[in-house]
């Protein structure tokens, strides 16, 4: 086959998307003409299309060496450098292309996008305007300008002026997503999809919109279609793998995360979500490796430090975990989850190294004196009897705890509710569930003759209780305020609630004379009550009985009980009823 015929056949295969066959012919040509710049460039374009940007960059450099005055070679090199995550090198080569031919509109548009991603907005705007000036019918830079400024009116105008173009509709859908207007976003993305039915990015955004609207099956279908249209779409792989992880389809999800990381070893989302899958499967060493890789890629994201810290805490590396939690906390101190993790880990460290734990808690309290977790934890580890911001601490703790509350209790062999219900037997009339949490006590006391009212300081706990549909009424307030308002009640129950209150006298006095059933954690000292390193209060049974007597309760019954298992040890307490 002649050189010209082979080259023409390779071009035809290339245009048809038959990249492997075209590449084979191009490489045969290179055997006889190893410095042919056009063939080197075409091979680079195939590598670029396959997402092998390091190979593409090498081929484009070789083409430029042979034809240094050819602008398209610099353009192609710049595009691969940008896709490879090297924006500054990409800018340099776009400008080299423009030195040869200043009217490459796509180069100016791509320069604008790189500048926008780098936060150099004025330079981005200048570049977009240069691209638009070259060709008044070139919609992309105009759409990019409007999107950069969230100018929906201009995007609407452009969409009307260029009715066959999907980009403006895509951007309008994206803006609506950012504004959480998912219904309008869905309308725009449907229109964009009708203009460009095989565009993978449009399908991905459609999937994200469906996810935001709770339409998981539709979202999955969008991501699957995106992968059909672009088999190397990493966002489609990751989003689909995330859905498979949530559905427990771990094998499929793992294959997708691994494939995404083959294509882009520095992909932060792939590392983070793959780590989450491994953590769910209790594959902690592997999860640890993935989170460490994510931290190396971007140490400035607090959630990554927090997640890595959780694994280290789980395997007993408390000091290293605390370093990561504090890294997350210092970057975003208003996030209660980070404070909860610091508090919990300090408690665990205290069991091994009490002096060190107290010192760290003291430093934290000094650093953040108004943080309820820092104040409460420091007080607990020092063995103080009270915590100044105890109610704030309780509300924030259980707001943060709500989503995983029942799962965590299962791990602690939690039996307070069941034990209290067995101790009191069934009750009739109006039962006010003090500190109702997610509604576990309500479920235990629910009978045909019972009217349940739930009270809790945490709105998120009340949301979980509301889902159970067993309470006639749910009230957000603290326990003492509720009791002082004298709600109608035949019985007050408080399962695993009074251990978050030190001085029980005001609560018991306000509850009297209504029947009262509750649990307390036993104090092993002569003190009336004590704030434990766990952050909970333990009460002396003699103190509790005396308060009940002073409040006028005559038929007081107490039963010793194991409330939970903590660090492998039983937590001893008491069950109480006043009838």
Protein backbone atom coordinates (compact mmCIF):
# COMPACT_ATOMS: atom_id res chain seq x y z
CA UNK A 1 0.00 0.00 0.00
CA UNK A 2 1.41 3.41 -0.97
CA UNK A 3 2.19 6.08 1.64
CA UNK A 4 -0.59 8.39 0.41
CA UNK A 5 -3.17 5.61 0.33
CA UNK A 6 -2.21 4.41 3.80
CA UNK A 7 -2.39 7.96 5.15
CA UNK A 8 -5.81 8.55 3.57
CA UNK A 9 -7.15 5.27 4.94
CA UNK A 10 -5.85 6.15 8.41
CA UNK A 11 -7.57 9.54 8.22
CA UNK A 12 -10.86 7.89 7.22
CA UNK A 13 -10.65 5.46 10.15
CA UNK A 14 -9.76 8.34 12.46
CA UNK A 15 -12.82 10.36 11.35
CA UNK A 16 -15.02 7.31 11.91
CA UNK A 17 -13.79 7.03 15.49
CA UNK A 18 -11.97 3.75 14.82
CA UNK A 19 -8.98 4.98 16.76
CA UNK A 20 -7.08 1.72 17.27
CA UNK A 21 -7.10 0.89 13.56
CA UNK A 22 -6.12 4.43 12.60
CA UNK A 23 -3.33 4.43 15.18
CA UNK A 24 -1.93 1.18 13.80
CA UNK A 25 -1.68 2.69 10.32
CA UNK A 26 -0.20 5.96 11.61
CA UNK A 27 2.53 4.02 13.41
CA UNK A 28 3.30 2.04 10.26
CA UNK A 29 3.78 5.34 8.44
CA UNK A 30 6.12 6.55 11.22
CA UNK A 31 8.36 3.54 10.64
CA UNK A 32 9.33 5.00 7.27
CA UNK A 33 8.78 8.68 8.16
CA UNK A 34 9.51 8.96 11.93
CA UNK A 35 9.60 12.77 11.90
CA UNK A 36 6.39 13.41 9.97
CA UNK A 37 4.74 16.21 12.02
CA UNK A 38 1.24 15.61 10.67
CA UNK A 39 1.30 11.95 11.64
CA UNK A 40 2.76 12.78 15.07
CA UNK A 41 -0.01 15.34 15.57
CA UNK A 42 -2.73 12.90 14.51
CA UNK A 43 -1.39 10.25 16.85
CA UNK A 44 -1.46 12.91 19.57
CA UNK A 45 -5.12 13.62 18.81
CA UNK A 46 -5.95 9.91 19.15
CA UNK A 47 -4.16 9.77 22.52
CA UNK A 48 -6.03 12.94 23.51
CA UNK A 49 -9.38 11.38 22.53
CA UNK A 50 -8.50 8.33 24.63
CA UNK A 51 -7.63 10.53 27.60
CA UNK A 52 -3.95 9.48 27.58
CA UNK A 53 -2.74 13.04 27.92
CA UNK A 54 0.85 12.33 28.91
CA UNK A 55 1.32 10.42 25.65
CA UNK A 56 -0.56 13.07 23.69
CA UNK A 57 1.67 15.82 25.11
CA UNK A 58 4.82 13.94 24.10
CA UNK A 59 3.55 13.45 20.54
CA UNK A 60 2.52 17.10 20.16
CA UNK A 61 5.95 18.24 21.40
CA UNK A 62 7.58 16.02 18.77
CA UNK A 63 5.32 17.47 16.06
CA UNK A 64 6.19 21.02 17.17
CA UNK A 65 9.91 20.20 17.04
CA UNK A 66 9.47 19.29 13.36
CA UNK A 67 7.08 22.16 12.53
CA UNK A 68 7.58 24.97 15.09
CA UNK A 69 5.54 27.52 13.13
CA UNK A 70 2.33 25.46 12.92
CA UNK A 71 -0.28 27.00 15.29
CA UNK A 72 -2.69 24.00 15.50
CA UNK A 73 0.05 21.86 17.06
CA UNK A 74 0.47 24.36 19.91
CA UNK A 75 -3.31 24.51 20.31
CA UNK A 76 -3.59 20.73 20.57
CA UNK A 77 -0.69 20.60 23.01
CA UNK A 78 -2.30 23.29 25.17
CA UNK A 79 -5.61 21.42 25.23
CA UNK A 80 -3.98 18.18 26.41
CA UNK A 81 -1.94 20.03 29.02
CA UNK A 82 -5.12 21.61 30.36
CA UNK A 83 -6.94 18.27 30.43
CA UNK A 84 -3.88 16.77 32.15
CA UNK A 85 -4.21 19.30 34.96
CA UNK A 86 -1.38 21.64 33.92
CA UNK A 87 -3.18 24.98 33.39
CA UNK A 88 -0.14 27.26 33.41
CA UNK A 89 1.70 25.21 30.77
CA UNK A 90 -1.54 25.15 28.76
CA UNK A 91 -1.79 28.95 28.87
CA UNK A 92 1.78 29.27 27.67
CA UNK A 93 1.12 27.11 24.61
CA UNK A 94 -2.22 28.72 23.77
CA UNK A 95 -0.38 32.05 23.66
CA UNK A 96 2.29 30.53 21.42
CA UNK A 97 -0.45 29.41 19.03
CA UNK A 98 -1.92 32.92 19.10
CA UNK A 99 1.46 34.50 18.36
CA UNK A 100 1.39 32.58 15.08
CA UNK A 101 -2.31 33.14 14.44
CA UNK A 102 -4.04 35.66 16.75
CA UNK A 103 -7.49 34.82 15.36
CA UNK A 104 -7.91 31.31 16.80
CA UNK A 105 -11.19 31.95 18.58
CA UNK A 106 -11.19 28.58 20.38
CA UNK A 107 -7.79 29.39 21.89
CA UNK A 108 -9.06 32.68 23.34
CA UNK A 109 -12.18 30.93 24.67
CA UNK A 110 -10.13 28.17 26.33
CA UNK A 111 -7.74 30.74 27.79
CA UNK A 112 -10.76 32.48 29.31
CA UNK A 113 -11.94 29.22 30.90
CA UNK A 114 -8.51 28.50 32.39
CA UNK A 115 -8.27 32.02 33.82
CA UNK A 116 -11.78 31.65 35.29
CA UNK A 117 -10.81 28.39 37.00
CA UNK A 118 -7.70 30.09 38.37
CA UNK A 119 -9.84 32.90 39.78
CA UNK A 120 -8.36 35.52 37.44
CA UNK A 121 -11.75 36.89 36.46
CA UNK A 122 -10.68 40.11 34.70
CA UNK A 123 -8.28 38.20 32.44
CA UNK A 124 -10.94 35.57 31.78
CA UNK A 125 -13.41 38.26 30.71
CA UNK A 126 -10.86 39.84 28.36
CA UNK A 127 -10.11 36.49 26.72
CA UNK A 128 -13.79 35.61 26.28
CA UNK A 129 -14.44 39.00 24.69
CA UNK A 130 -11.53 38.52 22.27
CA UNK A 131 -13.01 35.17 21.20
CA UNK A 132 -16.47 36.65 20.72
CA UNK A 133 -15.09 39.57 18.70
CA UNK A 134 -13.42 37.21 16.21
CA UNK A 135 -16.72 35.49 15.35
CA UNK A 136 -20.07 37.07 16.24
CA UNK A 137 -21.78 33.70 15.70
CA UNK A 138 -19.49 31.92 18.17
CA UNK A 139 -21.84 31.36 21.10
CA UNK A 140 -19.48 29.64 23.55
CA UNK A 141 -17.48 32.65 24.82
CA UNK A 142 -20.67 34.70 25.15
CA UNK A 143 -22.28 31.90 27.14
CA UNK A 144 -19.15 31.55 29.28
CA UNK A 145 -19.21 35.27 30.06
CA UNK A 146 -22.87 35.13 31.07
CA UNK A 147 -22.33 32.00 33.20
CA UNK A 148 -19.32 33.57 34.90
CA UNK A 149 -21.53 36.44 36.05
CA UNK A 150 -24.64 34.26 36.68
CA UNK A 151 -26.45 36.45 34.14
CA UNK A 152 -29.52 34.33 33.48
CA UNK A 153 -31.17 37.08 31.40
CA UNK A 154 -28.22 37.08 28.99
CA UNK A 155 -28.23 33.28 28.85
CA UNK A 156 -31.94 33.33 28.01
CA UNK A 157 -31.28 35.90 25.28
CA UNK A 158 -28.42 33.87 23.83
CA UNK A 159 -30.53 30.70 23.92
CA UNK A 160 -33.23 32.46 21.90
CA UNK A 161 -30.66 33.87 19.45
CA UNK A 162 -28.95 30.47 19.00
CA UNK A 163 -31.95 28.10 19.21
CA UNK A 164 -30.03 25.04 18.05
CA UNK A 165 -27.29 25.37 20.66
CA UNK A 166 -27.49 23.42 23.93
CA UNK A 167 -24.77 25.24 25.89
CA UNK A 168 -26.85 28.16 27.15
CA UNK A 169 -29.61 25.80 28.28
CA UNK A 170 -26.99 23.67 30.05
CA UNK A 171 -25.64 26.75 31.84
CA UNK A 172 -29.16 27.87 32.80
CA UNK A 173 -29.79 24.46 34.32
CA UNK A 174 -26.49 24.72 36.19
CA UNK A 175 -27.35 28.17 37.58
CA UNK A 176 -30.74 26.90 38.74
CA UNK A 177 -28.98 23.98 40.44
CA UNK A 178 -26.69 26.37 42.30
CA UNK A 179 -29.79 28.27 43.43
CA UNK A 180 -31.49 24.97 44.42
CA UNK A 181 -34.33 25.61 41.96
CA UNK A 182 -34.33 22.02 40.78
CA UNK A 183 -37.69 22.10 39.00
CA UNK A 184 -36.54 24.84 36.63
CA UNK A 185 -33.16 23.15 36.34
CA UNK A 186 -34.92 20.00 35.13
CA UNK A 187 -36.84 21.99 32.49
CA UNK A 188 -33.66 23.54 31.13
CA UNK A 189 -31.65 20.32 31.12
CA UNK A 190 -34.46 18.49 29.29
CA UNK A 191 -34.35 21.17 26.58
CA UNK A 192 -30.55 20.97 26.42
CA UNK A 193 -30.75 17.19 26.10
CA UNK A 194 -33.17 17.49 23.18
CA UNK A 195 -30.61 19.72 21.39
CA UNK A 196 -27.64 17.46 22.17
CA UNK A 197 -28.99 13.99 23.01
CA UNK A 198 -25.56 12.31 23.08
CA UNK A 199 -23.72 14.89 25.18
CA UNK A 200 -22.26 13.16 28.26
CA UNK A 201 -21.91 16.34 30.35
CA UNK A 202 -25.58 17.17 29.85
CA UNK A 203 -26.53 13.66 30.98
CA UNK A 204 -24.33 14.01 34.06
CA UNK A 205 -25.97 17.29 35.07
CA UNK A 206 -29.38 15.72 34.42
CA UNK A 207 -28.38 12.91 36.77
CA UNK A 208 -27.33 15.35 39.49
CA UNK A 209 -30.62 17.24 39.14
CA UNK A 210 -32.55 13.97 39.47
CA UNK A 211 -30.53 13.10 42.57
CA UNK A 212 -31.36 16.47 44.12
CA UNK A 213 -35.05 15.78 43.45
CA UNK A 214 -34.85 12.35 45.06
CA UNK A 215 -35.26 10.51 41.75
CA UNK A 216 -32.49 7.96 42.22
CA UNK A 217 -33.49 5.53 39.47
CA UNK A 218 -33.66 8.32 36.90
CA UNK A 219 -30.30 9.67 38.06
CA UNK A 220 -28.70 6.24 37.66
CA UNK A 221 -30.06 5.98 34.12
CA UNK A 222 -28.57 9.40 33.24
CA UNK A 223 -25.13 8.44 34.50
CA UNK A 224 -25.30 5.13 32.63
CA UNK A 225 -26.16 6.97 29.40
CA UNK A 226 -23.31 9.42 29.98
CA UNK A 227 -20.92 6.47 30.12
CA UNK A 228 -22.34 5.10 26.88
CA UNK A 229 -21.68 8.44 25.17
CA UNK A 230 -18.25 8.82 26.79
CA UNK A 231 -16.77 5.62 28.17
CA UNK A 232 -13.96 7.62 29.82
CA UNK A 233 -16.21 10.08 31.69
CA UNK A 234 -14.82 10.04 35.21
CA UNK A 235 -17.69 12.13 36.72
CA UNK A 236 -20.20 9.64 35.32
CA UNK A 237 -18.22 6.72 36.74
CA UNK A 238 -17.94 8.28 40.19
CA UNK A 239 -21.59 9.32 40.42
CA UNK A 240 -22.77 5.91 39.28
CA UNK A 241 -20.39 4.22 41.71
CA UNK A 242 -21.72 6.42 44.52
CA UNK A 243 -25.25 5.24 43.80
CA UNK A 244 -24.08 1.63 43.69
CA UNK A 245 -22.28 2.09 47.01
CA UNK A 246 -25.44 3.49 48.60
CA UNK A 247 -27.37 0.49 47.27
CA UNK A 248 -24.82 -1.98 48.65
CA UNK A 249 -23.59 -2.94 45.17
CA UNK A 250 -20.00 -2.77 46.36
CA UNK A 251 -18.36 -4.95 43.72
CA UNK A 252 -19.63 -2.84 40.81
CA UNK A 253 -18.87 0.40 42.63
CA UNK A 254 -15.31 -0.67 43.40
CA UNK A 255 -14.66 -1.50 39.75
CA UNK A 256 -15.80 1.97 38.72
CA UNK A 257 -13.72 3.78 41.35
CA UNK A 258 -10.66 1.77 40.33
CA UNK A 259 -11.27 2.56 36.66
CA UNK A 260 -11.63 6.26 37.44
CA UNK A 261 -8.33 6.19 39.32
CA UNK A 262 -6.65 4.36 36.43
CA UNK A 263 -7.70 7.21 34.16
CA UNK A 264 -6.84 9.93 36.67
CA UNK A 265 -4.74 8.83 39.66
CA UNK A 266 -5.01 12.33 41.16
CA UNK A 267 -8.82 12.45 41.10
CA UNK A 268 -9.83 13.63 44.56
CA UNK A 269 -13.50 12.58 44.36
CA UNK A 270 -12.57 9.06 43.30
CA UNK A 271 -10.15 8.65 46.23
CA UNK A 272 -12.64 10.04 48.77
CA UNK A 273 -15.63 8.02 47.62
CA UNK A 274 -13.62 4.84 47.18
CA UNK A 275 -12.33 5.33 50.72
CA UNK A 276 -15.93 5.63 51.92
CA UNK A 277 -16.82 2.33 50.22
CA UNK A 278 -13.83 0.61 51.83
CA UNK A 279 -14.76 2.04 55.23
CA UNK A 280 -18.31 0.69 54.88
CA UNK A 281 -16.84 -2.74 54.20
CA UNK A 282 -14.61 -2.47 57.31
CA UNK A 283 -11.52 -2.59 55.09
CA UNK A 284 -9.86 0.02 57.28
CA UNK A 285 -6.21 -0.26 56.11
CA UNK A 286 -7.28 0.19 52.47
CA UNK A 287 -9.64 3.04 53.37
CA UNK A 288 -6.81 4.66 55.30
CA UNK A 289 -4.57 4.47 52.24
CA UNK A 290 -7.18 6.14 50.03
CA UNK A 291 -7.82 8.95 52.51
CA UNK A 292 -4.07 9.52 52.87
CA UNK A 293 -3.83 9.82 49.10
CA UNK A 294 -6.68 12.37 49.16
CA UNK A 295 -4.97 14.42 51.88
CA UNK A 296 -1.76 14.50 49.84
CA UNK A 297 -3.69 15.74 46.80
CA UNK A 298 -5.47 18.47 48.77
CA UNK A 299 -4.60 18.88 52.45
CA UNK A 300 -6.80 21.95 52.73
CA UNK A 301 -10.21 20.21 52.63
CA UNK A 302 -11.39 19.76 56.23
CA UNK A 303 -13.77 16.89 55.44
CA UNK A 304 -10.88 14.75 54.19
CA UNK A 305 -8.89 15.34 57.38
CA UNK A 306 -12.01 14.54 59.41
CA UNK A 307 -12.72 11.27 57.57
CA UNK A 308 -9.11 10.15 57.84
CA UNK A 309 -9.25 10.99 61.54
CA UNK A 310 -12.35 8.81 62.01
CA UNK A 311 -10.53 5.75 60.67
CA UNK A 312 -7.48 6.43 62.83
CA UNK A 313 -9.78 6.79 65.85
CA UNK A 314 -11.43 3.47 65.00
CA UNK A 315 -8.07 1.68 64.97
CA UNK A 316 -6.94 3.33 68.21
CA UNK A 317 -4.51 5.93 66.81
CA UNK A 318 -6.06 8.66 68.95
CA UNK A 319 -3.27 11.24 68.91
CA UNK A 320 -2.87 11.20 65.13
CA UNK A 321 -6.66 11.29 64.79
CA UNK A 322 -6.85 14.36 67.04
CA UNK A 323 -4.26 16.13 64.89
CA UNK A 324 -6.45 15.62 61.84
CA UNK A 325 -9.66 16.59 63.65
CA UNK A 326 -8.03 19.79 64.87
CA UNK A 327 -6.83 20.49 61.33
CA UNK A 328 -10.44 20.25 60.18
CA UNK A 329 -11.71 22.25 63.18
CA UNK A 330 -9.21 25.09 62.67
CA UNK A 331 -10.30 25.47 59.07
CA UNK A 332 -14.01 25.35 59.87
CA UNK A 333 -14.65 25.74 63.62
CA UNK A 334 -18.39 26.20 63.17
CA UNK A 335 -18.85 22.58 62.00
CA UNK A 336 -20.16 20.66 65.02
CA UNK A 337 -19.21 17.26 63.58
CA UNK A 338 -15.52 18.11 63.96
CA UNK A 339 -16.06 19.17 67.58
CA UNK A 340 -17.98 15.96 68.33
CA UNK A 341 -15.12 13.88 66.95
CA UNK A 342 -12.52 15.80 68.97
CA UNK A 343 -14.58 15.37 72.12
CA UNK A 344 -15.12 11.65 71.60
CA UNK A 345 -11.46 11.02 70.78
CA UNK A 346 -10.26 12.97 73.80
CA UNK A 347 -12.48 10.76 75.96
CA UNK A 348 -10.89 7.65 74.42
CA UNK A 349 -7.39 9.05 74.84
CA UNK A 350 -8.17 9.88 78.49
CA UNK A 351 -8.59 6.17 79.23
CA UNK A 352 -4.98 5.61 78.08
CA UNK A 353 -3.20 8.90 78.78
CA UNK A 354 -5.31 11.04 81.14
CA UNK A 355 -2.78 13.82 81.67
CA UNK A 356 -2.17 14.27 77.96
CA UNK A 357 -5.90 14.24 77.22
CA UNK A 358 -6.59 16.89 79.86
CA UNK A 359 -3.80 19.09 78.49
CA UNK A 360 -5.13 18.85 74.93
CA UNK A 361 -8.67 19.59 76.19
CA UNK A 362 -7.36 22.62 78.08
CA UNK A 363 -5.60 23.93 74.97
CA UNK A 364 -8.77 23.42 72.94
CA UNK A 365 -10.85 25.29 75.50
CA UNK A 366 -8.31 28.12 75.45
CA UNK A 367 -8.39 28.17 71.66
CA UNK A 368 -12.21 28.10 71.48
CA UNK A 369 -13.63 29.31 74.82
CA UNK A 370 -17.13 29.72 73.40
CA UNK A 371 -17.29 26.24 71.90
CA UNK A 372 -19.75 24.18 73.96
CA UNK A 373 -17.95 20.90 73.17
CA UNK A 374 -14.54 22.28 74.17
CA UNK A 375 -15.94 23.67 77.43
CA UNK A 376 -17.92 20.52 78.29
CA UNK A 377 -15.08 18.12 77.42
CA UNK A 378 -12.52 20.06 79.45
CA UNK A 379 -14.89 20.14 82.43
CA UNK A 380 -15.60 16.40 82.10
CA UNK A 381 -11.94 15.38 81.88
CA UNK A 382 -11.05 17.58 84.85
CA UNK A 383 -13.79 15.90 86.89
CA UNK A 384 -15.85 19.04 87.50
CA UNK A 385 -19.44 18.68 88.66
CA UNK A 386 -21.05 21.02 86.13
CA UNK A 387 -20.64 22.25 82.57
CA UNK A 388 -21.55 25.89 81.98
CA UNK A 389 -23.04 25.42 78.50
CA UNK A 390 -24.55 22.00 79.13
CA UNK A 391 -27.85 22.60 77.31
CA UNK A 392 -26.12 24.01 74.22
CA UNK A 393 -23.80 21.02 74.30
CA UNK A 394 -26.70 18.56 74.49
CA UNK A 395 -28.63 20.20 71.65
CA UNK A 396 -25.63 20.31 69.32
CA UNK A 397 -24.51 16.80 70.28
CA UNK A 398 -27.83 15.19 69.44
CA UNK A 399 -28.41 17.28 66.32
CA UNK A 400 -25.13 15.86 65.09
CA UNK A 401 -25.92 12.38 66.39
CA UNK A 402 -29.43 12.05 64.97
CA UNK A 403 -28.72 10.32 61.66
CA UNK A 404 -26.65 7.51 63.20
CA UNK A 405 -28.16 7.41 66.69
CA UNK A 406 -29.93 4.06 66.56
CA UNK A 407 -27.09 2.34 64.70
CA UNK A 408 -24.57 3.49 67.32
CA UNK A 409 -26.81 2.30 70.16
CA UNK A 410 -26.96 -1.16 68.61
CA UNK A 411 -23.16 -1.33 68.73
CA UNK A 412 -23.23 -0.38 72.43
CA UNK A 413 -25.59 -3.26 73.30
CA UNK A 414 -28.00 -0.57 74.45
CA UNK A 415 -30.89 -1.93 76.50
CA UNK A 416 -32.14 0.97 78.63
CA UNK A 417 -35.47 1.42 76.87
CA UNK A 418 -36.30 -2.29 76.91
CA UNK A 419 -35.22 -2.64 80.54
CA UNK A 420 -37.21 0.39 81.69
CA UNK A 421 -40.33 -0.79 79.86
CA UNK A 422 -40.02 -4.25 81.46
CA UNK A 423 -39.52 -2.64 84.87
CA UNK A 424 -42.54 -0.34 84.69
CA UNK A 425 -44.84 -2.61 82.69
CA UNK A 426 -47.38 -1.06 80.32
CA UNK A 427 -48.76 2.39 81.15
CA UNK A 428 -52.05 3.98 80.20
CA UNK A 429 -53.13 7.52 79.49
CA UNK A 430 -50.91 10.38 78.34
CA UNK A 431 -47.23 9.49 78.40
CA UNK A 432 -44.82 12.39 77.98
CA UNK A 433 -41.52 11.04 76.67
CA UNK A 434 -38.87 13.42 78.02
CA UNK A 435 -35.81 13.52 75.76
CA UNK A 436 -37.63 11.33 73.28
CA UNK A 437 -34.74 11.27 70.79
CA UNK A 438 -35.59 9.25 67.71
CA UNK A 439 -38.61 7.67 69.40
CA UNK A 440 -37.25 4.40 70.74
CA UNK A 441 -38.98 4.79 74.10
CA UNK A 442 -42.19 5.82 72.36
CA UNK A 443 -42.15 2.58 70.39
CA UNK A 444 -41.65 0.59 73.58
CA UNK A 445 -44.53 2.30 75.41
CA UNK A 446 -46.93 2.50 72.50
CA UNK A 447 -50.18 0.65 73.29
CA UNK A 448 -53.82 1.01 72.30
CA UNK A 449 -54.60 2.97 75.45
CA UNK A 450 -51.63 5.33 75.31
CA UNK A 451 -51.33 8.89 74.02
CA UNK A 452 -47.68 9.74 73.34
CA UNK A 453 -46.15 13.21 73.52
CA UNK A 454 -42.45 13.62 72.72
CA UNK A 455 -40.15 16.34 74.05
CA UNK A 456 -36.57 16.92 72.93
CA UNK A 457 -34.08 19.76 72.70
CA UNK A 458 -32.78 18.56 69.30
CA UNK A 459 -34.81 19.42 66.22
CA UNK A 460 -33.05 16.75 64.19
CA UNK A 461 -33.93 14.08 66.76
CA UNK A 462 -37.55 15.22 66.62
CA UNK A 463 -37.47 14.88 62.83
CA UNK A 464 -36.42 11.24 63.24
CA UNK A 465 -39.11 10.66 65.86
CA UNK A 466 -41.69 12.25 63.58
CA UNK A 467 -40.88 9.69 60.87
CA UNK A 468 -42.07 6.89 63.19
CA UNK A 469 -45.60 8.34 63.25
CA UNK A 470 -46.32 7.29 66.85
CA UNK A 471 -46.43 10.64 68.69
CA UNK A 472 -49.58 12.68 68.88
CA UNK A 473 -47.44 15.74 69.54
CA UNK A 474 -43.74 16.62 69.44
CA UNK A 475 -42.30 19.61 71.29
CA UNK A 476 -38.87 21.18 70.88
CA UNK A 477 -37.71 22.43 74.25
CA UNK A 478 -35.48 21.46 77.13
CA UNK A 479 -36.87 19.08 79.76
CA UNK A 480 -37.00 21.55 82.66
CA UNK A 481 -38.89 24.19 80.65
CA UNK A 482 -41.36 21.55 79.56
CA UNK A 483 -41.98 20.35 83.12
CA UNK A 484 -42.27 23.87 84.50
CA UNK A 485 -45.10 24.50 82.03
CA UNK A 486 -47.02 21.58 83.65
CA UNK A 487 -48.05 19.63 80.53
CA UNK A 488 -50.99 17.28 80.83
CA UNK A 489 -49.50 13.87 81.65
CA UNK A 490 -50.30 10.65 83.46
CA UNK A 491 -46.68 9.47 83.32
CA UNK A 492 -43.32 11.07 82.55
CA UNK A 493 -40.66 8.75 81.19
CA UNK A 494 -37.00 9.63 80.67
CA UNK A 495 -34.94 6.75 79.28
CA UNK A 496 -31.21 7.50 79.25
CA UNK A 497 -31.89 11.23 79.59
CA UNK A 498 -31.06 12.31 83.14
CA UNK A 499 -27.43 11.31 82.61
CA UNK A 500 -27.09 14.53 80.59
CA UNK A 501 -28.24 16.62 83.59
CA UNK A 502 -26.17 17.16 86.72
CA UNK A 503 -28.45 18.65 89.37
CA UNK A 504 -31.71 16.68 89.14
CA UNK A 505 -33.56 18.55 91.88
CA UNK A 506 -35.28 21.14 89.64
CA UNK A 507 -36.37 18.45 87.18
CA UNK A 508 -37.76 16.02 89.74
CA UNK A 509 -39.48 18.81 91.68
CA UNK A 510 -41.14 20.10 88.49
CA UNK A 511 -42.31 16.61 87.52
CA UNK A 512 -44.04 15.90 90.85
CA UNK A 513 -46.66 14.71 91.58
CA UNK A 514 -47.02 13.02 88.16
CA UNK A 515 -45.76 9.45 87.99
CA UNK A 516 -42.13 9.38 86.89
CA UNK A 517 -40.01 6.57 85.38
CA UNK A 518 -36.40 7.12 84.40
CA UNK A 519 -32.86 5.75 84.35
CA UNK A 520 -29.63 7.08 85.86
CA UNK A 521 -25.99 6.07 85.58
CA UNK A 522 -24.59 5.14 88.99
CA UNK A 523 -21.91 7.28 90.60
CA UNK A 524 -19.12 5.29 92.30
CA UNK A 525 -18.25 8.06 94.74
CA UNK A 526 -19.91 9.69 97.72
CA UNK A 527 -20.74 12.80 95.67
CA UNK A 528 -24.35 13.49 94.74
CA UNK A 529 -23.41 13.47 91.07
CA UNK A 530 -20.32 13.62 88.93
CA UNK A 531 -19.48 14.66 85.37
CA UNK A 532 -17.67 11.67 83.84
CA UNK A 533 -14.95 11.70 81.17
CA UNK A 534 -17.61 10.30 78.81
CA UNK A 535 -19.37 13.66 79.02
CA UNK A 536 -22.36 12.13 80.85
CA UNK A 537 -23.37 12.61 84.47
CA UNK A 538 -23.47 9.76 86.98
CA UNK A 539 -25.71 10.08 90.05
CA UNK A 540 -25.51 8.59 93.51
CA UNK A 541 -28.66 6.44 93.99
CA UNK A 542 -29.04 7.73 97.55
CA UNK A 543 -29.10 11.30 96.22
CA UNK A 544 -31.73 10.42 93.62
CA UNK A 545 -33.96 8.66 96.16
CA UNK A 546 -33.69 11.61 98.54
CA UNK A 547 -34.79 14.02 95.79
CA UNK A 548 -37.79 11.84 94.97
CA UNK A 549 -38.81 11.73 98.62
CA UNK A 550 -38.42 15.51 98.98
CA UNK A 551 -40.63 15.98 95.90
CA UNK A 552 -43.41 13.98 97.62
CA UNK A 553 -43.04 10.61 95.92
CA UNK A 554 -43.85 7.80 98.36
CA UNK A 555 -43.82 4.59 96.33
CA UNK A 556 -40.28 4.69 95.01
CA UNK A 557 -38.84 1.58 93.38
CA UNK A 558 -35.30 1.13 92.11
CA UNK A 559 -33.77 -1.69 90.10
CA UNK A 560 -30.04 -2.00 89.29
CA UNK A 561 -29.35 -2.41 85.56
CA UNK A 562 -26.60 -2.54 82.94
CA UNK A 563 -27.32 0.43 80.70
CA UNK A 564 -24.84 -0.23 77.87
CA UNK A 565 -21.41 -1.63 77.09
CA UNK A 566 -18.62 0.93 76.75
CA UNK A 567 -15.01 0.09 75.85
CA UNK A 568 -15.89 -3.53 76.49
CA UNK A 569 -17.09 -2.81 80.04
CA UNK A 570 -20.67 -2.76 81.39
CA UNK A 571 -22.00 0.65 82.40
CA UNK A 572 -23.98 0.20 85.62
CA UNK A 573 -27.01 2.24 86.48
CA UNK A 574 -30.45 2.30 88.06
CA UNK A 575 -34.02 2.14 86.81
CA UNK A 576 -36.59 4.17 88.80
CA UNK A 577 -40.37 4.35 89.02
CA UNK A 578 -42.62 6.15 91.47
CA UNK A 579 -45.65 3.87 91.59
